[in-house]
Amino acid sequence: MVKTLKFVYDMILFIFLYLVAKNVAESIECRTVADCPKLISSKFVIKCIEKRCVAQFFD
């Protein structure tokens, strides 16, 4: 019984994380860089590439 409940819990968690990741993967449409959200970070910059806002990470 406990193993069954744990399995159901794990499946619900996995499906939820998959759906969240799927929504995050959809990017914001833009025409210029000004259309993209402004985020202050030294690790990445958001640019408008092929009419989509894309985060470019720095090493």
C-alpha atoms as a PDB file:
ATOM      1  CA  MET A   1       0.000   0.000   0.000  1.00  0.00           C
ATOM      2  CA  VAL A   2       2.774   2.429   0.926  1.00  0.00           C
ATOM      3  CA  LYS A   3       4.696   1.619  -2.253  1.00  0.00           C
ATOM      4  CA  THR A   4       1.598   2.253  -4.340  1.00  0.00           C
ATOM      5  CA  LEU A   5       1.002   5.642  -2.720  1.00  0.00           C
ATOM      6  CA  LYS A   6       4.637   6.598  -3.153  1.00  0.00           C
ATOM      7  CA  PHE A   7       4.483   5.599  -6.825  1.00  0.00           C
ATOM      8  CA  VAL A   8       1.346   7.706  -7.379  1.00  0.00           C
ATOM      9  CA  TYR A   9       2.962  10.650  -5.579  1.00  0.00           C
ATOM     10  CA  ASP A  10       6.102  10.327  -7.716  1.00  0.00           C
ATOM     11  CA  MET A  11       4.057  10.197 -10.929  1.00  0.00           C
ATOM     12  CA  ILE A  12       2.069  13.305  -9.988  1.00  0.00           C
ATOM     13  CA  LEU A  13       5.292  15.142  -9.148  1.00  0.00           C
ATOM     14  CA  PHE A  14       6.945  14.041 -12.402  1.00  0.00           C
ATOM     15  CA  ILE A  15       3.959  15.129 -14.512  1.00  0.00           C
ATOM     16  CA  PHE A  16       3.768  18.487 -12.725  1.00  0.00           C
ATOM     17  CA  LEU A  17       7.485  19.163 -13.265  1.00  0.00           C
ATOM     18  CA  TYR A  18       7.177  18.177 -16.919  1.00  0.00           C
ATOM     19  CA  LEU A  19       4.296  20.606 -17.464  1.00  0.00           C
ATOM     20  CA  VAL A  20       6.145  23.419 -15.693  1.00  0.00           C
ATOM     21  CA  ALA A  21       9.274  22.824 -17.774  1.00  0.00           C
ATOM     22  CA  LYS A  22       7.181  22.770 -20.936  1.00  0.00           C
ATOM     23  CA  ASN A  23       5.670  26.178 -20.123  1.00  0.00           C
ATOM     24  CA  VAL A  24       9.058  27.664 -19.271  1.00  0.00           C
ATOM     25  CA  ALA A  25      10.467  26.481 -22.587  1.00  0.00           C
ATOM     26  CA  GLU A  26       7.981  28.635 -24.455  1.00  0.00           C
ATOM     27  CA  SER A  27       9.685  31.940 -25.009  1.00  0.00           C
ATOM     28  CA  ILE A  28       8.273  35.442 -25.231  1.00  0.00           C
ATOM     29  CA  GLU A  29       7.747  36.931 -28.680  1.00  0.00           C
ATOM     30  CA  CYS A  30       9.620  40.155 -29.454  1.00  0.00           C
ATOM     31  CA  ARG A  31      10.596  42.502 -32.261  1.00  0.00           C
ATOM     32  CA  THR A  32      13.471  44.249 -30.510  1.00  0.00           C
ATOM     33  CA  VAL A  33      15.501  43.688 -27.349  1.00  0.00           C
ATOM     34  CA  ALA A  34      13.330  46.317 -25.646  1.00  0.00           C
ATOM     35  CA  ASP A  35      10.349  43.922 -25.857  1.00  0.00           C
ATOM     36  CA  CYS A  36      12.146  41.324 -23.700  1.00  0.00           C
ATOM     37  CA  PRO A  37      11.872  41.361 -19.887  1.00  0.00           C
ATOM     38  CA  LYS A  38      14.583  43.201 -18.010  1.00  0.00           C
ATOM     39  CA  LEU A  39      16.490  40.972 -15.602  1.00  0.00           C
ATOM     40  CA  ILE A  40      19.535  42.070 -13.680  1.00  0.00           C
ATOM     41  CA  SER A  41      22.038  39.245 -13.607  1.00  0.00           C
ATOM     42  CA  SER A  42      25.735  38.871 -14.278  1.00  0.00           C
ATOM     43  CA  LYS A  43      25.250  35.272 -15.426  1.00  0.00           C
ATOM     44  CA  PHE A  44      23.064  35.830 -18.488  1.00  0.00           C
ATOM     45  CA  VAL A  45      21.673  38.397 -20.907  1.00  0.00           C
ATOM     46  CA  ILE A  46      18.273  38.273 -22.596  1.00  0.00           C
ATOM     47  CA  LYS A  47      18.298  39.034 -26.321  1.00  0.00           C
ATOM     48  CA  CYS A  48      15.736  39.042 -29.113  1.00  0.00           C
ATOM     49  CA  ILE A  49      16.789  36.286 -31.532  1.00  0.00           C
ATOM     50  CA  GLU A  50      14.512  35.200 -34.381  1.00  0.00           C
ATOM     51  CA  LYS A  51      11.547  37.058 -32.828  1.00  0.00           C
ATOM     52  CA  ARG A  52      11.904  35.220 -29.480  1.00  0.00           C
ATOM     53  CA  CYS A  53      13.433  36.390 -26.190  1.00  0.00           C
ATOM     54  CA  VAL A  54      16.339  34.074 -25.457  1.00  0.00           C
ATOM     55  CA  ALA A  55      18.625  33.964 -22.407  1.00  0.00           C
ATOM     56  CA  GLN A  56      22.305  33.652 -23.284  1.00  0.00           C
ATOM     57  CA  PHE A  57      24.423  32.370 -20.406  1.00  0.00           C
ATOM     58  CA  PHE A  58      28.013  33.362 -19.695  1.00  0.00           C
ATOM     59  CA  ASP A  59      30.635  30.976 -18.295  1.00  0.00           C
END
